[in-house]
Amino acid sequence: MIVYGARPSPFVRKVLVFAAEKGIAVEMRPGGFGRGGEEFARASPFAKMPALQDGDFTISDSSAIITYMDTLHPEPNLIPLEARARARTIWYEEFADTIVQAAGQKIFFNRVAGRLMGLPCDPAAADRAEAEKMPDLYDYLEGVMPPSGYLVEDRFTLADIAVACPLINVSYCSEGLTSGRWPKVMAWLDSLRARPSFAAVMEKEQRSMGRAAA
């Protein structure tokens, strides 16, 4: 399988971590921001990343790619089968993709990504998102985090992967979580960043960001 995208994207990271947890071998190729050429365009006609190519099959969007991978490789189970737990897992993925990322991208783009790409940035927009949006999200997660330290079924699932990915981007350029106000969220995120699947993916993305900054 070939995954197209930019490594620092939380959506790309979500797919790469999910694949690693499933034991699925993937090849990472550039895609998006004018890169990827015809191959990426065929896999993602609207330039949405990540995109996937598996033989003659192509699809884009992280949720669609994960659904495909999970169907081909159902074990280890990362999307619960029990109805309420499954629904809760999908809720957390949607929460991450549309709510956390909406706030987090204002911070990461204006402090990191935009600068790396030489695009106009608005530091004030990042400051507002950090001060006005992120505390409510951290408060929510602190309130729902189970004693087990996993969001669903007291075990590692797609919910943890999905929610952690945009927060990792924020953590690259914000010290908000280190204030001590959200200890459960901080401990949860630290444990995930130390997990082999996350650690390996993050090491490569940090190298790619370093090359871009050089």
Protein backbone atom coordinates (compact mmCIF):
# COMPACT_ATOMS: atom_id res chain seq x y z
CA MET A 1 0.00 0.00 0.00
CA ILE A 2 1.15 3.53 -0.80
CA VAL A 3 0.08 6.46 1.37
CA TYR A 4 0.37 9.95 -0.13
CA GLY A 5 0.55 13.06 2.02
CA ALA A 6 2.71 15.23 4.23
CA ARG A 7 3.96 13.55 7.41
CA PRO A 8 3.13 16.41 9.84
CA SER A 9 -0.56 16.23 8.87
CA PRO A 10 -2.60 14.79 11.77
CA PHE A 11 -4.73 12.91 9.23
CA VAL A 12 -1.66 11.31 7.65
CA ARG A 13 -0.31 10.49 11.11
CA LYS A 14 -3.62 8.85 12.02
CA VAL A 15 -3.42 6.50 9.03
CA LEU A 16 0.27 5.69 9.56
CA VAL A 17 -0.22 4.88 13.25
CA PHE A 18 -3.32 2.82 12.51
CA ALA A 19 -1.42 0.86 9.85
CA ALA A 20 1.51 0.31 12.20
CA GLU A 21 -0.77 -1.01 14.94
CA LYS A 22 -2.35 -3.39 12.42
CA GLY A 23 1.02 -4.56 11.14
CA ILE A 24 0.25 -3.23 7.66
CA ALA A 25 3.31 -2.29 5.63
CA VAL A 26 2.90 1.04 3.81
CA GLU A 27 5.14 3.16 1.62
CA MET A 28 4.96 6.88 2.28
CA ARG A 29 5.12 9.24 -0.71
CA PRO A 30 4.66 13.02 -0.92
CA GLY A 31 1.22 14.30 -1.77
CA GLY A 32 -0.49 17.66 -1.46
CA PHE A 33 0.82 21.23 -1.54
CA GLY A 34 1.65 20.80 -5.22
CA ARG A 35 3.47 17.50 -4.73
CA GLY A 36 2.62 13.96 -5.74
CA GLY A 37 2.02 14.49 -9.43
CA GLU A 38 -0.41 12.39 -11.45
CA GLU A 39 -0.30 9.45 -9.05
CA PHE A 40 -1.55 11.56 -6.15
CA ALA A 41 -4.13 13.26 -8.39
CA ARG A 42 -5.56 9.89 -9.40
CA ALA A 43 -5.76 8.75 -5.79
CA SER A 44 -7.18 12.07 -4.56
CA PRO A 45 -8.95 14.03 -7.32
CA PHE A 46 -9.67 16.92 -4.94
CA ALA A 47 -6.13 16.96 -3.49
CA LYS A 48 -7.33 15.73 -0.11
CA MET A 49 -4.68 14.01 1.97
CA PRO A 50 -3.92 11.40 2.88
CA ALA A 51 -4.63 9.31 -0.18
CA LEU A 52 -4.10 5.59 -0.59
CA GLN A 53 -3.16 3.37 -3.51
CA ASP A 54 -3.40 -0.39 -3.12
CA GLY A 55 -2.81 -1.99 -6.49
CA ASP A 56 -5.50 -0.65 -8.79
CA PHE A 57 -7.62 0.66 -5.89
CA THR A 58 -7.35 4.28 -4.78
CA ILE A 59 -9.16 6.27 -2.09
CA SER A 60 -8.62 9.46 -0.14
CA ASP A 61 -9.64 10.73 3.33
CA SER A 62 -8.22 9.25 6.51
CA SER A 63 -11.50 7.77 7.72
CA ALA A 64 -12.13 6.03 4.40
CA ILE A 65 -8.57 4.68 4.33
CA ILE A 66 -8.85 3.38 7.89
CA THR A 67 -12.17 1.70 7.07
CA TYR A 68 -10.51 -0.03 4.13
CA MET A 69 -7.51 -1.15 6.17
CA ASP A 70 -9.67 -2.36 9.04
CA THR A 71 -11.86 -4.44 6.74
CA LEU A 72 -8.84 -6.14 5.19
CA HIS A 73 -7.08 -6.58 8.54
CA PRO A 74 -9.69 -6.83 11.31
CA GLU A 75 -7.13 -7.84 13.95
CA PRO A 76 -5.96 -6.48 16.24
CA ASN A 77 -9.33 -4.88 16.79
CA LEU A 78 -9.07 -1.10 17.07
CA ILE A 79 -12.72 -0.23 16.32
CA PRO A 80 -14.92 -1.90 18.94
CA LEU A 81 -17.70 -4.21 17.84
CA GLU A 82 -20.05 -3.58 20.77
CA ALA A 83 -22.63 -1.03 19.63
CA ARG A 84 -22.14 1.71 22.21
CA ALA A 85 -18.36 1.45 22.25
CA ARG A 86 -18.24 1.46 18.45
CA ALA A 87 -20.46 4.54 18.27
CA ARG A 88 -18.35 6.27 20.92
CA THR A 89 -15.17 5.50 18.99
CA ILE A 90 -16.59 7.00 15.79
CA TRP A 91 -17.76 10.04 17.79
CA TYR A 92 -14.22 10.61 19.07
CA GLU A 93 -12.82 10.33 15.55
CA GLU A 94 -15.32 12.91 14.33
CA PHE A 95 -14.61 15.11 17.36
CA ALA A 96 -10.92 14.98 16.51
CA ASP A 97 -11.30 15.55 12.78
CA THR A 98 -13.80 18.41 12.87
CA ILE A 99 -13.56 20.07 16.30
CA VAL A 100 -10.04 19.56 17.69
CA GLN A 101 -8.38 19.95 14.30
CA ALA A 102 -10.38 23.10 13.51
CA ALA A 103 -8.86 24.78 16.55
CA GLY A 104 -5.48 23.10 16.41
CA GLN A 105 -4.75 23.93 12.79
CA LYS A 106 -4.95 27.65 13.55
CA ILE A 107 -2.15 27.18 16.05
CA PHE A 108 0.04 24.76 14.12
CA PHE A 109 -0.31 26.48 10.75
CA ASN A 110 0.37 29.97 12.02
CA ARG A 111 3.28 28.96 14.22
CA VAL A 112 4.88 26.09 12.28
CA ALA A 113 3.47 24.86 8.95
CA GLY A 114 2.89 28.23 7.34
CA ARG A 115 6.37 29.38 8.23
CA LEU A 116 7.94 26.19 6.83
CA MET A 117 6.05 26.71 3.56
CA GLY A 118 6.77 30.42 3.37
CA LEU A 119 3.10 31.34 3.53
CA PRO A 120 1.53 34.35 5.27
CA CYS A 121 0.85 33.62 8.94
CA ASP A 122 -1.34 35.23 11.57
CA PRO A 123 0.24 34.75 15.02
CA ALA A 124 -2.72 36.50 16.65
CA ALA A 125 -5.09 33.85 15.27
CA ALA A 126 -2.91 31.16 16.86
CA ASP A 127 -2.92 33.01 20.17
CA ARG A 128 -6.72 33.36 20.12
CA ALA A 129 -7.24 29.67 19.35
CA GLU A 130 -4.86 28.69 22.13
CA ALA A 131 -6.55 30.96 24.66
CA GLU A 132 -10.20 30.66 23.62
CA LYS A 133 -10.67 27.24 21.98
CA MET A 134 -8.20 24.73 23.36
CA PRO A 135 -9.07 25.05 27.09
CA ASP A 136 -12.65 23.95 26.44
CA LEU A 137 -11.42 20.92 24.51
CA TYR A 138 -8.92 20.01 27.21
CA ASP A 139 -11.63 20.47 29.87
CA TYR A 140 -13.91 18.10 27.99
CA LEU A 141 -11.24 15.42 27.63
CA GLU A 142 -10.16 15.77 31.26
CA GLY A 143 -13.77 15.23 32.32
CA VAL A 144 -14.39 12.13 30.18
CA MET A 145 -10.99 10.42 30.52
CA PRO A 146 -11.52 7.05 32.26
CA PRO A 147 -9.18 5.88 35.05
CA SER A 148 -7.71 3.36 32.60
CA GLY A 149 -6.25 6.20 30.53
CA TYR A 150 -7.97 5.03 27.36
CA LEU A 151 -11.00 6.74 25.85
CA VAL A 152 -13.08 3.66 24.98
CA GLU A 153 -13.41 0.15 26.46
CA ASP A 154 -10.44 0.73 28.80
CA ARG A 155 -8.08 -0.23 25.97
CA PHE A 156 -6.23 1.34 23.06
CA THR A 157 -8.54 2.05 20.12
CA LEU A 158 -8.96 4.28 17.11
CA ALA A 159 -10.47 6.85 19.48
CA ASP A 160 -7.08 7.36 21.13
CA ILE A 161 -5.27 7.55 17.80
CA ALA A 162 -7.72 10.03 16.30
CA VAL A 163 -7.89 12.46 19.22
CA ALA A 164 -4.16 12.37 19.92
CA CYS A 165 -3.12 13.22 16.37
CA PRO A 166 -4.27 16.86 16.19
CA LEU A 167 -3.20 17.42 19.81
CA ILE A 168 0.32 16.30 18.91
CA ASN A 169 0.46 19.07 16.33
CA VAL A 170 -0.64 21.59 18.94
CA SER A 171 1.93 20.27 21.41
CA TYR A 172 4.72 20.99 18.91
CA CYS A 173 4.12 24.71 19.34
CA SER A 174 2.07 25.21 22.51
CA GLU A 175 2.78 24.62 26.19
CA GLY A 176 -0.89 24.78 27.17
CA LEU A 177 -1.09 21.20 28.39
CA THR A 178 1.97 21.60 30.59
CA SER A 179 0.17 24.04 32.90
CA GLY A 180 -0.93 21.24 35.23
CA ARG A 181 -4.61 22.05 34.75
CA TRP A 182 -5.28 18.87 32.73
CA PRO A 183 -3.14 16.12 34.29
CA LYS A 184 -5.16 13.21 32.93
CA VAL A 185 -5.01 14.51 29.38
CA MET A 186 -1.29 15.20 29.71
CA ALA A 187 -0.59 11.70 31.04
CA TRP A 188 -2.73 10.13 28.31
CA LEU A 189 -0.97 12.04 25.53
CA ASP A 190 2.47 11.30 26.97
CA SER A 191 1.68 7.59 27.09
CA LEU A 192 0.56 7.59 23.46
CA ARG A 193 3.60 9.53 22.24
CA ALA A 194 5.76 6.89 23.93
CA ARG A 195 3.88 4.04 22.24
CA PRO A 196 6.10 2.43 19.54
CA SER A 197 3.68 3.11 16.68
CA PHE A 198 3.41 6.82 17.53
CA ALA A 199 7.09 7.22 18.42
CA ALA A 200 8.29 5.80 15.10
CA VAL A 201 5.92 7.92 13.04
CA MET A 202 6.73 11.08 15.00
CA GLU A 203 10.47 10.56 14.68
CA LYS A 204 10.17 10.55 10.88
CA GLU A 205 7.83 13.54 10.77
CA GLN A 206 10.11 15.57 13.03
CA ARG A 207 13.02 14.83 10.69
CA SER A 208 10.91 15.96 7.73
CA MET A 209 10.04 19.21 9.49
CA GLY A 210 13.69 19.76 10.30
CA ARG A 211 14.65 19.31 6.65
CA ALA A 212 11.92 21.73 5.59
CA ALA A 213 13.17 24.34 8.05
CA ALA A 214 16.81 23.97 6.96
